[in-house]
Amino acid sequence: MEWLRKPIKFSRPQADYVRSYNYSFVQKGTKISINVLGKRIKVPFNANYLPFSLEDKDIKLGTAKLVCLKGHWFLHMSYTKAISEWQKEDNQHVVGIDRGLRFLTTTYDEKGKTNFVSGKSIAYKRKKYAYLRSKLQAKGTKSAKRKLKRLEHQENRWMADINHCLSKTLVERYGQNTLLCLRRLN
């Protein structure tokens, strides 16, 4: 019952905001007005990172998440944009991608070619991480818990890198103007 004595601590503060109710843009998009702890503040906002213009009427902003990461505050905004109908002539290739564990990706293109990327080495390394996790959890010491946390971050970074390299390889293989569809191929 020792866990009752220690309060739960959240290490990453964040807040969800609804457009026009909790947050809005002021001074031509250079500042954002947000609700924080019973008052409303205006903070500088850098719109250079947005893939659209705030004056664009086709863009509908949705909910946003304010996140603190390594001492910096980021606003993650969702938006909806209407696009024209898809035309087959706009794409050189249409490729279906199936994600899995035994094979990381199985791709099938419009020419009938199938490509498999083996996940054997990745599965081996994930089993190794799972084994280490089980040993550390069984130990239960303070240093084991610290090591477990480090191991978790290490595995997450490694898998993020694998996924990034995989997507980059697919884009390089099929080139520009390729429609990549994630789906079940079985």
N, C-alpha and C. Protein backbone atom coordinates (compact mmCIF):
# COMPACT_ATOMS: atom_id res chain seq x y z
N MET A 1 0.81 -1.20 0.00
CA MET A 1 0.00 0.00 0.00
C MET A 1 0.86 1.27 0.00
N GLU A 2 2.13 1.11 -0.33
CA GLU A 2 3.02 2.27 -0.33
C GLU A 2 2.63 3.28 -1.40
N TRP A 3 2.01 2.81 -2.49
CA TRP A 3 1.63 3.71 -3.58
C TRP A 3 0.59 4.73 -3.15
N LEU A 4 -0.14 4.47 -2.05
CA LEU A 4 -1.13 5.44 -1.57
C LEU A 4 -0.48 6.68 -0.97
N ARG A 5 0.74 6.53 -0.46
CA ARG A 5 1.42 7.65 0.17
C ARG A 5 2.02 8.62 -0.82
N LYS A 6 2.33 8.12 -2.01
CA LYS A 6 2.95 8.97 -3.02
C LYS A 6 1.90 9.42 -4.02
N PRO A 7 1.74 10.73 -4.24
CA PRO A 7 0.75 11.19 -5.21
C PRO A 7 1.19 10.86 -6.64
N ILE A 8 0.22 10.73 -7.51
CA ILE A 8 0.51 10.49 -8.92
C ILE A 8 1.06 11.77 -9.53
N LYS A 9 2.14 11.63 -10.30
CA LYS A 9 2.76 12.80 -10.91
C LYS A 9 2.73 12.64 -12.43
N PHE A 10 2.22 13.65 -13.11
CA PHE A 10 2.21 13.64 -14.56
C PHE A 10 3.40 14.46 -15.04
N SER A 11 4.22 13.85 -15.87
CA SER A 11 5.46 14.53 -16.26
C SER A 11 5.30 15.40 -17.51
N ARG A 12 4.23 15.23 -18.28
CA ARG A 12 4.05 16.04 -19.47
C ARG A 12 2.73 16.78 -19.41
N PRO A 13 2.76 18.06 -18.99
CA PRO A 13 1.50 18.82 -18.93
C PRO A 13 0.94 19.08 -20.33
N GLN A 14 -0.37 18.97 -20.45
CA GLN A 14 -1.02 19.24 -21.72
C GLN A 14 -2.46 19.65 -21.48
N ALA A 15 -3.04 20.31 -22.47
CA ALA A 15 -4.43 20.76 -22.37
C ALA A 15 -5.07 20.67 -23.75
N ASP A 16 -6.35 20.34 -23.78
CA ASP A 16 -7.11 20.27 -25.03
C ASP A 16 -7.93 21.55 -25.18
N TYR A 17 -7.95 22.09 -26.39
CA TYR A 17 -8.66 23.34 -26.67
C TYR A 17 -9.59 23.18 -27.86
N VAL A 18 -10.73 23.85 -27.78
CA VAL A 18 -11.71 23.85 -28.86
C VAL A 18 -11.65 25.20 -29.55
N ARG A 19 -11.63 25.20 -30.87
CA ARG A 19 -11.52 26.43 -31.68
C ARG A 19 -12.65 27.40 -31.37
N SER A 20 -12.33 28.66 -31.26
CA SER A 20 -13.24 29.78 -30.99
C SER A 20 -13.84 29.75 -29.58
N TYR A 21 -13.68 28.68 -28.86
CA TYR A 21 -14.17 28.63 -27.49
C TYR A 21 -13.01 28.76 -26.51
N ASN A 22 -11.97 27.96 -26.70
CA ASN A 22 -10.80 28.01 -25.83
C ASN A 22 -9.59 28.69 -26.46
N TYR A 23 -9.53 28.73 -27.78
CA TYR A 23 -8.40 29.40 -28.42
C TYR A 23 -8.86 30.11 -29.69
N SER A 24 -8.17 31.20 -30.00
CA SER A 24 -8.44 31.93 -31.24
C SER A 24 -7.19 32.71 -31.61
N PHE A 25 -7.11 33.09 -32.86
CA PHE A 25 -5.96 33.85 -33.35
C PHE A 25 -6.30 35.34 -33.34
N VAL A 26 -5.37 36.16 -32.89
CA VAL A 26 -5.56 37.60 -32.84
C VAL A 26 -4.35 38.28 -33.47
N GLN A 27 -4.51 39.56 -33.77
CA GLN A 27 -3.47 40.39 -34.37
C GLN A 27 -2.91 39.75 -35.65
N LYS A 28 -3.83 39.41 -36.56
CA LYS A 28 -3.51 38.84 -37.88
C LYS A 28 -2.67 37.56 -37.79
N GLY A 29 -2.97 36.73 -36.81
CA GLY A 29 -2.30 35.44 -36.69
C GLY A 29 -0.94 35.47 -36.05
N THR A 30 -0.52 36.63 -35.50
CA THR A 30 0.79 36.70 -34.86
C THR A 30 0.71 36.29 -33.39
N LYS A 31 -0.50 36.32 -32.81
CA LYS A 31 -0.69 35.90 -31.43
C LYS A 31 -1.88 34.97 -31.35
N ILE A 32 -1.83 34.14 -30.32
CA ILE A 32 -2.94 33.23 -30.08
C ILE A 32 -3.47 33.52 -28.68
N SER A 33 -4.79 33.58 -28.57
CA SER A 33 -5.45 33.85 -27.30
C SER A 33 -5.99 32.53 -26.77
N ILE A 34 -5.52 32.12 -25.57
CA ILE A 34 -5.92 30.84 -25.02
C ILE A 34 -6.36 30.99 -23.56
N ASN A 35 -7.24 30.07 -23.13
CA ASN A 35 -7.68 30.03 -21.73
C ASN A 35 -6.67 29.21 -20.92
N VAL A 36 -6.22 29.79 -19.81
CA VAL A 36 -5.35 29.06 -18.88
C VAL A 36 -5.76 29.38 -17.46
N LEU A 37 -6.07 28.39 -16.67
CA LEU A 37 -6.36 28.51 -15.25
C LEU A 37 -7.20 29.74 -14.88
N GLY A 38 -8.37 29.85 -15.48
CA GLY A 38 -9.31 30.89 -15.10
C GLY A 38 -9.11 32.23 -15.76
N LYS A 39 -8.14 32.39 -16.61
CA LYS A 39 -7.97 33.66 -17.32
C LYS A 39 -7.56 33.38 -18.76
N ARG A 40 -7.59 34.42 -19.55
CA ARG A 40 -7.23 34.30 -20.97
C ARG A 40 -5.96 35.09 -21.21
N ILE A 41 -4.98 34.45 -21.88
CA ILE A 41 -3.73 35.14 -22.18
C ILE A 41 -3.48 35.15 -23.67
N LYS A 42 -2.68 36.11 -24.11
CA LYS A 42 -2.28 36.21 -25.51
C LYS A 42 -0.78 35.98 -25.58
N VAL A 43 -0.39 34.99 -26.37
CA VAL A 43 1.03 34.66 -26.49
C VAL A 43 1.44 34.72 -27.96
N PRO A 44 2.72 35.02 -28.23
CA PRO A 44 3.20 35.04 -29.62
C PRO A 44 3.03 33.68 -30.26
N PHE A 45 2.72 33.70 -31.54
CA PHE A 45 2.49 32.46 -32.29
C PHE A 45 3.24 32.55 -33.60
N ASN A 46 4.03 31.53 -33.91
CA ASN A 46 4.79 31.49 -35.16
C ASN A 46 4.01 30.66 -36.17
N ALA A 47 3.38 31.32 -37.13
CA ALA A 47 2.56 30.64 -38.14
C ALA A 47 3.38 30.13 -39.31
N ASN A 48 4.71 30.31 -39.29
CA ASN A 48 5.55 29.86 -40.40
C ASN A 48 5.55 28.34 -40.54
N TYR A 49 5.26 27.62 -39.46
CA TYR A 49 5.28 26.17 -39.50
C TYR A 49 3.98 25.55 -39.99
N LEU A 50 2.96 26.38 -40.16
CA LEU A 50 1.67 25.87 -40.63
C LEU A 50 1.74 25.55 -42.11
N PRO A 51 1.14 24.43 -42.54
CA PRO A 51 1.14 24.08 -43.97
C PRO A 51 0.06 24.83 -44.74
N PHE A 52 -0.60 25.81 -44.13
CA PHE A 52 -1.67 26.58 -44.77
C PHE A 52 -1.64 27.99 -44.21
N SER A 53 -2.42 28.85 -44.83
CA SER A 53 -2.55 30.22 -44.37
C SER A 53 -3.77 30.33 -43.46
N LEU A 54 -3.66 31.13 -42.40
CA LEU A 54 -4.79 31.29 -41.48
C LEU A 54 -5.97 32.01 -42.13
N GLU A 55 -5.72 32.75 -43.21
CA GLU A 55 -6.79 33.47 -43.91
C GLU A 55 -7.52 32.58 -44.91
N ASP A 56 -7.03 31.37 -45.17
CA ASP A 56 -7.63 30.46 -46.13
C ASP A 56 -9.03 30.05 -45.67
N LYS A 57 -10.04 30.29 -46.48
CA LYS A 57 -11.43 30.01 -46.12
C LYS A 57 -11.77 28.52 -46.25
N ASP A 58 -10.96 27.75 -47.01
CA ASP A 58 -11.22 26.32 -47.19
C ASP A 58 -10.79 25.49 -45.98
N ILE A 59 -10.00 26.08 -45.11
CA ILE A 59 -9.47 25.37 -43.94
C ILE A 59 -10.43 25.54 -42.76
N LYS A 60 -10.80 24.43 -42.14
CA LYS A 60 -11.61 24.46 -40.93
C LYS A 60 -10.76 23.89 -39.79
N LEU A 61 -10.43 24.77 -38.83
CA LEU A 61 -9.62 24.34 -37.69
C LEU A 61 -10.48 23.60 -36.68
N GLY A 62 -9.91 22.54 -36.10
CA GLY A 62 -10.62 21.74 -35.12
C GLY A 62 -10.03 21.91 -33.74
N THR A 63 -10.05 20.85 -32.97
CA THR A 63 -9.50 20.91 -31.62
C THR A 63 -7.98 20.97 -31.67
N ALA A 64 -7.40 21.48 -30.61
CA ALA A 64 -5.95 21.61 -30.52
C ALA A 64 -5.48 21.07 -29.19
N LYS A 65 -4.24 20.65 -29.14
CA LYS A 65 -3.65 20.14 -27.91
C LYS A 65 -2.40 20.95 -27.63
N LEU A 66 -2.35 21.56 -26.46
CA LEU A 66 -1.19 22.33 -26.01
C LEU A 66 -0.32 21.39 -25.18
N VAL A 67 0.94 21.19 -25.64
CA VAL A 67 1.82 20.21 -25.03
C VAL A 67 3.14 20.87 -24.66
N CYS A 68 3.65 20.55 -23.46
CA CYS A 68 4.98 21.00 -23.05
C CYS A 68 5.95 19.86 -23.26
N LEU A 69 6.98 20.10 -24.05
CA LEU A 69 7.98 19.08 -24.34
C LEU A 69 9.36 19.70 -24.19
N LYS A 70 10.10 19.21 -23.22
CA LYS A 70 11.46 19.68 -22.94
C LYS A 70 11.52 21.19 -22.73
N GLY A 71 10.56 21.72 -22.00
CA GLY A 71 10.55 23.13 -21.66
C GLY A 71 9.98 24.05 -22.73
N HIS A 72 9.57 23.50 -23.87
CA HIS A 72 8.97 24.30 -24.94
C HIS A 72 7.51 23.91 -25.10
N TRP A 73 6.67 24.90 -25.43
CA TRP A 73 5.25 24.66 -25.60
C TRP A 73 4.92 24.56 -27.08
N PHE A 74 4.14 23.54 -27.44
CA PHE A 74 3.72 23.30 -28.80
C PHE A 74 2.21 23.19 -28.85
N LEU A 75 1.62 23.74 -29.91
CA LEU A 75 0.18 23.64 -30.11
C LEU A 75 -0.04 22.73 -31.31
N HIS A 76 -0.63 21.56 -31.07
CA HIS A 76 -0.93 20.60 -32.13
C HIS A 76 -2.37 20.85 -32.56
N MET A 77 -2.55 21.34 -33.79
CA MET A 77 -3.89 21.66 -34.27
C MET A 77 -4.32 20.67 -35.34
N SER A 78 -5.59 20.29 -35.28
CA SER A 78 -6.16 19.48 -36.35
C SER A 78 -6.93 20.41 -37.28
N TYR A 79 -6.93 20.09 -38.56
CA TYR A 79 -7.68 20.90 -39.50
C TYR A 79 -8.25 20.03 -40.61
N THR A 80 -9.29 20.54 -41.24
CA THR A 80 -9.95 19.85 -42.34
C THR A 80 -9.88 20.74 -43.57
N LYS A 81 -9.54 20.12 -44.69
CA LYS A 81 -9.47 20.86 -45.95
C LYS A 81 -10.13 20.03 -47.05
N ALA A 82 -11.03 20.66 -47.76
CA ALA A 82 -11.69 19.99 -48.88
C ALA A 82 -10.72 19.94 -50.05
N ILE A 83 -10.67 18.77 -50.69
CA ILE A 83 -9.79 18.62 -51.86
C ILE A 83 -10.63 18.19 -53.05
N SER A 84 -10.08 18.37 -54.23
CA SER A 84 -10.80 18.00 -55.43
C SER A 84 -10.85 16.48 -55.55
N GLU A 85 -11.72 16.00 -56.38
CA GLU A 85 -11.85 14.56 -56.59
C GLU A 85 -10.53 13.99 -57.10
N TRP A 86 -10.26 12.75 -56.68
CA TRP A 86 -9.04 12.08 -57.09
C TRP A 86 -9.15 11.64 -58.55
N GLN A 87 -8.13 11.93 -59.32
CA GLN A 87 -8.07 11.52 -60.71
C GLN A 87 -6.92 10.53 -60.88
N LYS A 88 -7.18 9.41 -61.54
CA LYS A 88 -6.15 8.39 -61.73
C LYS A 88 -4.96 8.94 -62.49
N GLU A 89 -5.19 9.90 -63.38
CA GLU A 89 -4.11 10.47 -64.18
C GLU A 89 -3.11 11.24 -63.32
N ASP A 90 -3.53 11.68 -62.12
CA ASP A 90 -2.65 12.44 -61.24
C ASP A 90 -1.57 11.58 -60.60
N ASN A 91 -1.75 10.25 -60.63
CA ASN A 91 -0.81 9.35 -59.98
C ASN A 91 -0.15 8.42 -60.97
N GLN A 92 1.18 8.28 -60.84
CA GLN A 92 1.92 7.34 -61.69
C GLN A 92 1.72 5.91 -61.21
N HIS A 93 1.71 5.72 -59.89
CA HIS A 93 1.59 4.39 -59.30
C HIS A 93 0.49 4.39 -58.24
N VAL A 94 -0.15 3.23 -58.12
CA VAL A 94 -1.07 2.99 -57.01
C VAL A 94 -0.52 1.76 -56.30
N VAL A 95 -0.18 1.91 -55.02
CA VAL A 95 0.48 0.84 -54.29
C VAL A 95 -0.31 0.56 -53.01
N GLY A 96 -0.62 -0.71 -52.80
CA GLY A 96 -1.27 -1.14 -51.57
C GLY A 96 -0.21 -1.63 -50.60
N ILE A 97 -0.32 -1.23 -49.34
CA ILE A 97 0.67 -1.60 -48.34
C ILE A 97 -0.04 -2.30 -47.18
N ASP A 98 0.48 -3.46 -46.80
CA ASP A 98 -0.05 -4.18 -45.64
C ASP A 98 1.06 -4.25 -44.60
N ARG A 99 0.78 -3.76 -43.40
CA ARG A 99 1.76 -3.79 -42.30
C ARG A 99 1.56 -5.07 -41.51
N GLY A 100 2.65 -5.65 -41.04
CA GLY A 100 2.54 -6.87 -40.25
C GLY A 100 3.73 -7.06 -39.35
N LEU A 101 3.78 -8.21 -38.67
CA LEU A 101 4.88 -8.53 -37.78
C LEU A 101 5.89 -9.46 -38.45
N ARG A 102 5.39 -10.49 -39.11
CA ARG A 102 6.30 -11.42 -39.79
C ARG A 102 6.97 -10.75 -40.98
N PHE A 103 6.19 -10.03 -41.75
CA PHE A 103 6.71 -9.18 -42.82
C PHE A 103 6.34 -7.75 -42.44
N LEU A 104 7.33 -6.86 -42.33
CA LEU A 104 7.05 -5.48 -41.93
C LEU A 104 6.07 -4.83 -42.89
N THR A 105 6.37 -4.95 -44.18
CA THR A 105 5.44 -4.47 -45.19
C THR A 105 5.35 -5.47 -46.32
N THR A 106 4.16 -5.57 -46.86
CA THR A 106 3.93 -6.30 -48.10
C THR A 106 3.29 -5.29 -49.03
N THR A 107 3.94 -5.04 -50.16
CA THR A 107 3.39 -4.05 -51.10
C THR A 107 2.94 -4.75 -52.37
N TYR A 108 1.87 -4.23 -52.95
CA TYR A 108 1.34 -4.74 -54.20
C TYR A 108 1.00 -3.53 -55.06
N ASP A 109 1.61 -3.44 -56.25
CA ASP A 109 1.38 -2.28 -57.10
C ASP A 109 0.45 -2.61 -58.27
N GLU A 110 0.17 -1.59 -59.09
CA GLU A 110 -0.79 -1.74 -60.18
C GLU A 110 -0.29 -2.65 -61.29
N LYS A 111 1.01 -2.94 -61.30
CA LYS A 111 1.58 -3.84 -62.32
C LYS A 111 1.55 -5.29 -61.87
N GLY A 112 1.06 -5.54 -60.67
CA GLY A 112 0.96 -6.90 -60.16
C GLY A 112 2.20 -7.37 -59.42
N LYS A 113 3.15 -6.47 -59.17
CA LYS A 113 4.37 -6.84 -58.47
C LYS A 113 4.13 -6.80 -56.96
N THR A 114 4.61 -7.85 -56.29
CA THR A 114 4.49 -7.93 -54.84
C THR A 114 5.89 -7.88 -54.24
N ASN A 115 6.05 -7.12 -53.18
CA ASN A 115 7.34 -6.98 -52.52
C ASN A 115 7.15 -7.21 -51.02
N PHE A 116 8.01 -8.04 -50.44
CA PHE A 116 7.94 -8.34 -49.02
C PHE A 116 9.18 -7.79 -48.33
N VAL A 117 9.00 -7.16 -47.16
CA VAL A 117 10.12 -6.73 -46.32
C VAL A 117 10.05 -7.55 -45.05
N SER A 118 11.06 -8.39 -44.86
CA SER A 118 11.08 -9.31 -43.73
C SER A 118 11.20 -8.56 -42.40
N GLY A 119 10.50 -9.07 -41.41
CA GLY A 119 10.55 -8.47 -40.09
C GLY A 119 11.22 -9.38 -39.07
N LYS A 120 12.01 -10.36 -39.58
CA LYS A 120 12.62 -11.35 -38.70
C LYS A 120 13.58 -10.72 -37.70
N SER A 121 14.46 -9.83 -38.17
CA SER A 121 15.43 -9.22 -37.26
C SER A 121 14.75 -8.27 -36.27
N ILE A 122 13.70 -7.60 -36.72
CA ILE A 122 12.98 -6.69 -35.84
C ILE A 122 12.24 -7.49 -34.77
N ALA A 123 11.62 -8.61 -35.17
CA ALA A 123 10.91 -9.46 -34.21
C ALA A 123 11.87 -10.01 -33.17
N TYR A 124 13.08 -10.38 -33.61
CA TYR A 124 14.09 -10.88 -32.68
C TYR A 124 14.46 -9.81 -31.65
N LYS A 125 14.68 -8.58 -32.12
CA LYS A 125 15.06 -7.51 -31.21
C LYS A 125 13.92 -7.14 -30.27
N ARG A 126 12.67 -7.20 -30.75
CA ARG A 126 11.51 -6.90 -29.89
C ARG A 126 11.36 -7.97 -28.81
N LYS A 127 11.65 -9.23 -29.17
CA LYS A 127 11.60 -10.30 -28.16
C LYS A 127 12.69 -10.08 -27.12
N LYS A 128 13.83 -9.60 -27.57
CA LYS A 128 14.93 -9.30 -26.65
C LYS A 128 14.52 -8.21 -25.66
N TYR A 129 13.88 -7.15 -26.17
CA TYR A 129 13.38 -6.08 -25.31
C TYR A 129 12.32 -6.61 -24.33
N ALA A 130 11.43 -7.48 -24.81
CA ALA A 130 10.39 -8.04 -23.96
C ALA A 130 11.00 -8.88 -22.84
N TYR A 131 12.04 -9.65 -23.18
CA TYR A 131 12.72 -10.47 -22.18
C TYR A 131 13.38 -9.59 -21.12
N LEU A 132 14.07 -8.52 -21.57
CA LEU A 132 14.70 -7.60 -20.62
C LEU A 132 13.67 -6.93 -19.73
N ARG A 133 12.53 -6.53 -20.31
CA ARG A 133 11.46 -5.91 -19.53
C ARG A 133 10.94 -6.86 -18.45
N SER A 134 10.71 -8.12 -18.82
CA SER A 134 10.18 -9.07 -17.85
C SER A 134 11.17 -9.31 -16.72
N LYS A 135 12.47 -9.38 -17.02
CA LYS A 135 13.48 -9.57 -15.99
C LYS A 135 13.53 -8.37 -15.04
N LEU A 136 13.49 -7.16 -15.61
CA LEU A 136 13.55 -5.96 -14.78
C LEU A 136 12.29 -5.79 -13.94
N GLN A 137 11.13 -6.11 -14.51
CA GLN A 137 9.89 -6.00 -13.76
C GLN A 137 9.85 -7.00 -12.61
N ALA A 138 10.42 -8.19 -12.84
CA ALA A 138 10.45 -9.20 -11.79
C ALA A 138 11.38 -8.77 -10.65
N LYS A 139 12.44 -8.05 -11.01
CA LYS A 139 13.38 -7.58 -9.99
C LYS A 139 12.73 -6.54 -9.08
N GLY A 140 12.08 -5.54 -9.67
CA GLY A 140 11.29 -4.57 -8.92
C GLY A 140 12.04 -3.55 -8.10
N THR A 141 13.35 -3.45 -8.24
CA THR A 141 14.11 -2.46 -7.46
C THR A 141 14.00 -1.09 -8.10
N LYS A 142 14.44 -0.07 -7.37
CA LYS A 142 14.37 1.30 -7.86
C LYS A 142 15.24 1.47 -9.11
N SER A 143 16.45 0.90 -9.07
CA SER A 143 17.34 1.01 -10.23
C SER A 143 16.79 0.23 -11.43
N ALA A 144 16.09 -0.88 -11.16
CA ALA A 144 15.48 -1.65 -12.24
C ALA A 144 14.37 -0.85 -12.91
N LYS A 145 13.63 -0.09 -12.10
CA LYS A 145 12.56 0.74 -12.66
C LYS A 145 13.13 1.87 -13.52
N ARG A 146 14.25 2.45 -13.06
CA ARG A 146 14.91 3.48 -13.88
C ARG A 146 15.40 2.90 -15.19
N LYS A 147 16.01 1.74 -15.12
CA LYS A 147 16.52 1.07 -16.33
C LYS A 147 15.36 0.71 -17.25
N LEU A 148 14.23 0.31 -16.67
CA LEU A 148 13.05 -0.04 -17.45
C LEU A 148 12.53 1.17 -18.22
N LYS A 149 12.53 2.32 -17.59
CA LYS A 149 12.09 3.55 -18.24
C LYS A 149 13.02 3.92 -19.39
N ARG A 150 14.34 3.83 -19.14
CA ARG A 150 15.32 4.11 -20.21
C ARG A 150 15.14 3.14 -21.38
N LEU A 151 14.91 1.88 -21.05
CA LEU A 151 14.73 0.85 -22.06
C LEU A 151 13.50 1.12 -22.91
N GLU A 152 12.42 1.58 -22.25
CA GLU A 152 11.19 1.90 -22.96
C GLU A 152 11.42 3.02 -23.97
N HIS A 153 12.09 4.08 -23.54
CA HIS A 153 12.37 5.20 -24.45
C HIS A 153 13.28 4.76 -25.59
N GLN A 154 14.25 3.91 -25.28
CA GLN A 154 15.18 3.42 -26.30
C GLN A 154 14.43 2.60 -27.35
N GLU A 155 13.53 1.72 -26.90
CA GLU A 155 12.77 0.90 -27.84
C GLU A 155 11.85 1.75 -28.69
N ASN A 156 11.21 2.76 -28.08
CA ASN A 156 10.32 3.65 -28.84
C ASN A 156 11.08 4.42 -29.91
N ARG A 157 12.27 4.93 -29.56
CA ARG A 157 13.08 5.66 -30.54
C ARG A 157 13.52 4.73 -31.67
N TRP A 158 13.89 3.52 -31.33
CA TRP A 158 14.33 2.55 -32.32
C TRP A 158 13.20 2.20 -33.29
N MET A 159 11.97 1.95 -32.75
CA MET A 159 10.84 1.62 -33.62
C MET A 159 10.43 2.82 -34.48
N ALA A 160 10.51 4.02 -33.92
CA ALA A 160 10.18 5.22 -34.71
C ALA A 160 11.17 5.36 -35.86
N ASP A 161 12.45 5.06 -35.61
CA ASP A 161 13.46 5.13 -36.67
C ASP A 161 13.20 4.07 -37.73
N ILE A 162 12.84 2.85 -37.32
CA ILE A 162 12.53 1.77 -38.27
C ILE A 162 11.36 2.19 -39.16
N ASN A 163 10.29 2.72 -38.56
CA ASN A 163 9.12 3.14 -39.33
C ASN A 163 9.46 4.28 -40.28
N HIS A 164 10.31 5.23 -39.82
CA HIS A 164 10.72 6.34 -40.67
C HIS A 164 11.52 5.84 -41.87
N CYS A 165 12.48 4.96 -41.62
CA CYS A 165 13.31 4.42 -42.70
C CYS A 165 12.46 3.62 -43.69
N LEU A 166 11.48 2.89 -43.17
CA LEU A 166 10.60 2.09 -44.01
C LEU A 166 9.76 2.98 -44.93
N SER A 167 9.16 4.04 -44.37
CA SER A 167 8.34 4.93 -45.19
C SER A 167 9.19 5.68 -46.21
N LYS A 168 10.41 6.07 -45.80
CA LYS A 168 11.31 6.77 -46.71
C LYS A 168 11.71 5.86 -47.88
N THR A 169 11.96 4.59 -47.59
CA THR A 169 12.32 3.63 -48.63
C THR A 169 11.17 3.44 -49.62
N LEU A 170 9.95 3.35 -49.10
CA LEU A 170 8.79 3.18 -49.98
C LEU A 170 8.62 4.38 -50.90
N VAL A 171 8.78 5.58 -50.37
CA VAL A 171 8.63 6.79 -51.19
C VAL A 171 9.73 6.85 -52.24
N GLU A 172 10.97 6.48 -51.88
CA GLU A 172 12.07 6.49 -52.84
C GLU A 172 11.87 5.43 -53.92
N ARG A 173 11.33 4.26 -53.54
CA ARG A 173 11.15 3.18 -54.51
C ARG A 173 10.10 3.53 -55.56
N TYR A 174 8.98 4.10 -55.14
CA TYR A 174 7.89 4.35 -56.08
C TYR A 174 7.86 5.77 -56.61
N GLY A 175 8.61 6.69 -56.04
CA GLY A 175 8.73 8.04 -56.57
C GLY A 175 7.56 8.94 -56.25
N GLN A 176 7.62 10.12 -56.88
CA GLN A 176 6.56 11.11 -56.67
C GLN A 176 5.29 10.68 -57.36
N ASN A 177 4.20 11.34 -56.99
CA ASN A 177 2.87 11.09 -57.57
C ASN A 177 2.44 9.63 -57.44
N THR A 178 2.73 9.03 -56.29
CA THR A 178 2.32 7.66 -56.01
C THR A 178 1.24 7.68 -54.93
N LEU A 179 0.18 6.98 -55.16
CA LEU A 179 -0.89 6.84 -54.18
C LEU A 179 -0.59 5.60 -53.34
N LEU A 180 -0.23 5.81 -52.07
CA LEU A 180 0.07 4.70 -51.17
C LEU A 180 -1.16 4.44 -50.32
N CYS A 181 -1.69 3.22 -50.38
CA CYS A 181 -2.91 2.85 -49.65
C CYS A 181 -2.56 1.81 -48.59
N LEU A 182 -2.80 2.15 -47.32
CA LEU A 182 -2.64 1.17 -46.26
C LEU A 182 -3.90 0.34 -46.20
N ARG A 183 -3.75 -0.98 -46.31
CA ARG A 183 -4.93 -1.84 -46.34
C ARG A 183 -4.57 -3.26 -45.98
N ARG A 184 -5.59 -4.11 -45.92
CA ARG A 184 -5.41 -5.54 -45.71
C ARG A 184 -5.34 -6.19 -47.09
N LEU A 185 -4.25 -6.91 -47.36
CA LEU A 185 -4.09 -7.52 -48.67
C LEU A 185 -4.53 -8.98 -48.71
N ASN A 186 -4.87 -9.60 -47.59
CA ASN A 186 -5.17 -11.03 -47.59
C ASN A 186 -6.51 -11.35 -48.14
